[in-house]
Amino acid sequence: MCGVGIMKQQQSLGARLASIEGHVTAIRRMVDEDVYCIDVLRQTYAVERALKRFEAELLRGHLASCVPTALKEGRKSEILAELGDVFELARR
């Protein structure tokens, strides 16, 4: 990661990932225990939303720190291509 506020963002992202891991572990346990399908689905949807929030926070940090750094270093076309690739992935 690059730029200002890296440590704070890394801690926040790490906490989000730990929470997601906990939810996935709970989902596995629910499946192993043959919990009602709809209850499992509710948990999987919660994980999807948590991943979306993680992605948004990661992208926000990238746009705030890595992109300006790359622009200052004269890597405009590289960073624009990279962002285009990421947005294309998000649309799939």
Protein backbone atom coordinates (compact mmCIF):
# COMPACT_ATOMS: atom_id res chain seq x y z
CA MET A 1 0.00 0.00 0.00
CA CYS A 2 1.19 3.53 -0.54
CA GLY A 3 0.63 7.03 0.71
CA VAL A 4 -0.61 8.77 3.83
CA GLY A 5 -2.71 6.96 6.42
CA ILE A 6 -1.51 3.52 5.38
CA MET A 7 -1.30 2.06 8.87
CA LYS A 8 -4.79 3.18 9.80
CA GLN A 9 -6.24 1.81 6.57
CA GLN A 10 -4.33 -1.47 6.94
CA GLN A 11 -5.73 -1.89 10.44
CA SER A 12 -9.24 -1.12 9.26
CA LEU A 13 -8.96 -3.47 6.28
CA GLY A 14 -7.47 -6.16 8.49
CA ALA A 15 -10.37 -5.85 10.92
CA ARG A 16 -12.86 -6.12 8.05
CA LEU A 17 -11.12 -9.24 6.73
CA ALA A 18 -11.07 -10.83 10.19
CA SER A 19 -14.81 -10.22 10.45
CA ILE A 20 -15.38 -11.74 7.01
CA GLU A 21 -13.26 -14.76 7.93
CA GLY A 22 -15.35 -15.23 11.04
CA HIS A 23 -18.56 -15.13 9.02
CA VAL A 24 -17.21 -17.64 6.49
CA THR A 25 -16.16 -19.97 9.31
CA ALA A 26 -19.66 -19.67 10.76
CA ILE A 27 -21.16 -20.47 7.34
CA ARG A 28 -19.01 -23.60 7.08
CA ARG A 29 -20.16 -24.67 10.54
CA MET A 30 -23.78 -24.00 9.58
CA VAL A 31 -23.41 -26.17 6.47
CA ASP A 32 -21.71 -28.94 8.48
CA GLU A 33 -24.55 -28.79 11.02
CA ASP A 34 -27.19 -28.88 8.26
CA VAL A 35 -28.70 -25.52 9.27
CA TYR A 36 -31.79 -24.37 7.35
CA CYS A 37 -30.74 -23.25 3.86
CA ILE A 38 -32.33 -19.81 4.06
CA ASP A 39 -30.41 -19.05 7.26
CA VAL A 40 -27.16 -20.02 5.51
CA LEU A 41 -28.06 -17.86 2.51
CA ARG A 42 -28.67 -14.88 4.79
CA GLN A 43 -25.14 -15.28 6.11
CA THR A 44 -23.64 -15.59 2.63
CA TYR A 45 -25.38 -12.38 1.59
CA ALA A 46 -23.92 -10.68 4.68
CA VAL A 47 -20.44 -11.82 3.60
CA GLU A 48 -21.00 -10.48 0.08
CA ARG A 49 -21.98 -7.09 1.49
CA ALA A 50 -18.97 -7.11 3.80
CA LEU A 51 -16.67 -7.86 0.86
CA LYS A 52 -18.22 -4.99 -1.11
CA ARG A 53 -17.52 -2.64 1.82
CA PHE A 54 -13.95 -3.98 2.00
CA GLU A 55 -13.49 -3.37 -1.73
CA ALA A 56 -14.88 0.15 -1.46
CA GLU A 57 -12.55 1.03 1.40
CA LEU A 58 -9.55 -0.44 -0.39
CA LEU A 59 -10.38 1.45 -3.60
CA ARG A 60 -10.94 4.69 -1.66
CA GLY A 61 -7.49 4.34 -0.11
CA HIS A 62 -5.94 3.56 -3.46
CA LEU A 63 -7.51 6.62 -5.07
CA ALA A 64 -6.43 8.82 -2.16
CA SER A 65 -2.83 7.68 -1.95
CA CYS A 66 -1.54 5.40 -4.69
CA VAL A 67 -3.08 7.23 -7.63
CA PRO A 68 -1.73 10.69 -6.70
CA THR A 69 1.70 9.16 -6.09
CA ALA A 70 1.67 7.47 -9.49
CA LEU A 71 0.60 10.70 -11.18
CA LYS A 72 3.43 12.61 -9.51
CA GLU A 73 5.84 9.94 -10.72
CA GLY A 74 4.64 10.41 -14.30
CA ARG A 75 2.82 7.08 -14.57
CA LYS A 76 -0.49 8.57 -15.73
CA SER A 77 -1.19 6.14 -18.61
CA GLU A 78 -0.24 3.14 -16.47
CA ILE A 79 -2.48 4.13 -13.58
CA LEU A 80 -5.41 5.00 -15.88
CA ALA A 81 -5.13 1.62 -17.62
CA GLU A 82 -5.00 -0.11 -14.24
CA LEU A 83 -8.09 1.74 -13.01
CA GLY A 84 -9.89 0.91 -16.22
CA ASP A 85 -9.09 -2.78 -15.71
CA VAL A 86 -10.39 -2.66 -12.14
CA PHE A 87 -13.64 -0.97 -13.17
CA GLU A 88 -14.10 -3.53 -15.93
CA LEU A 89 -13.66 -6.35 -13.41
CA ALA A 90 -16.21 -4.72 -11.11
CA ARG A 91 -18.79 -4.65 -13.91
CA ARG A 92 -18.59 -8.40 -14.53
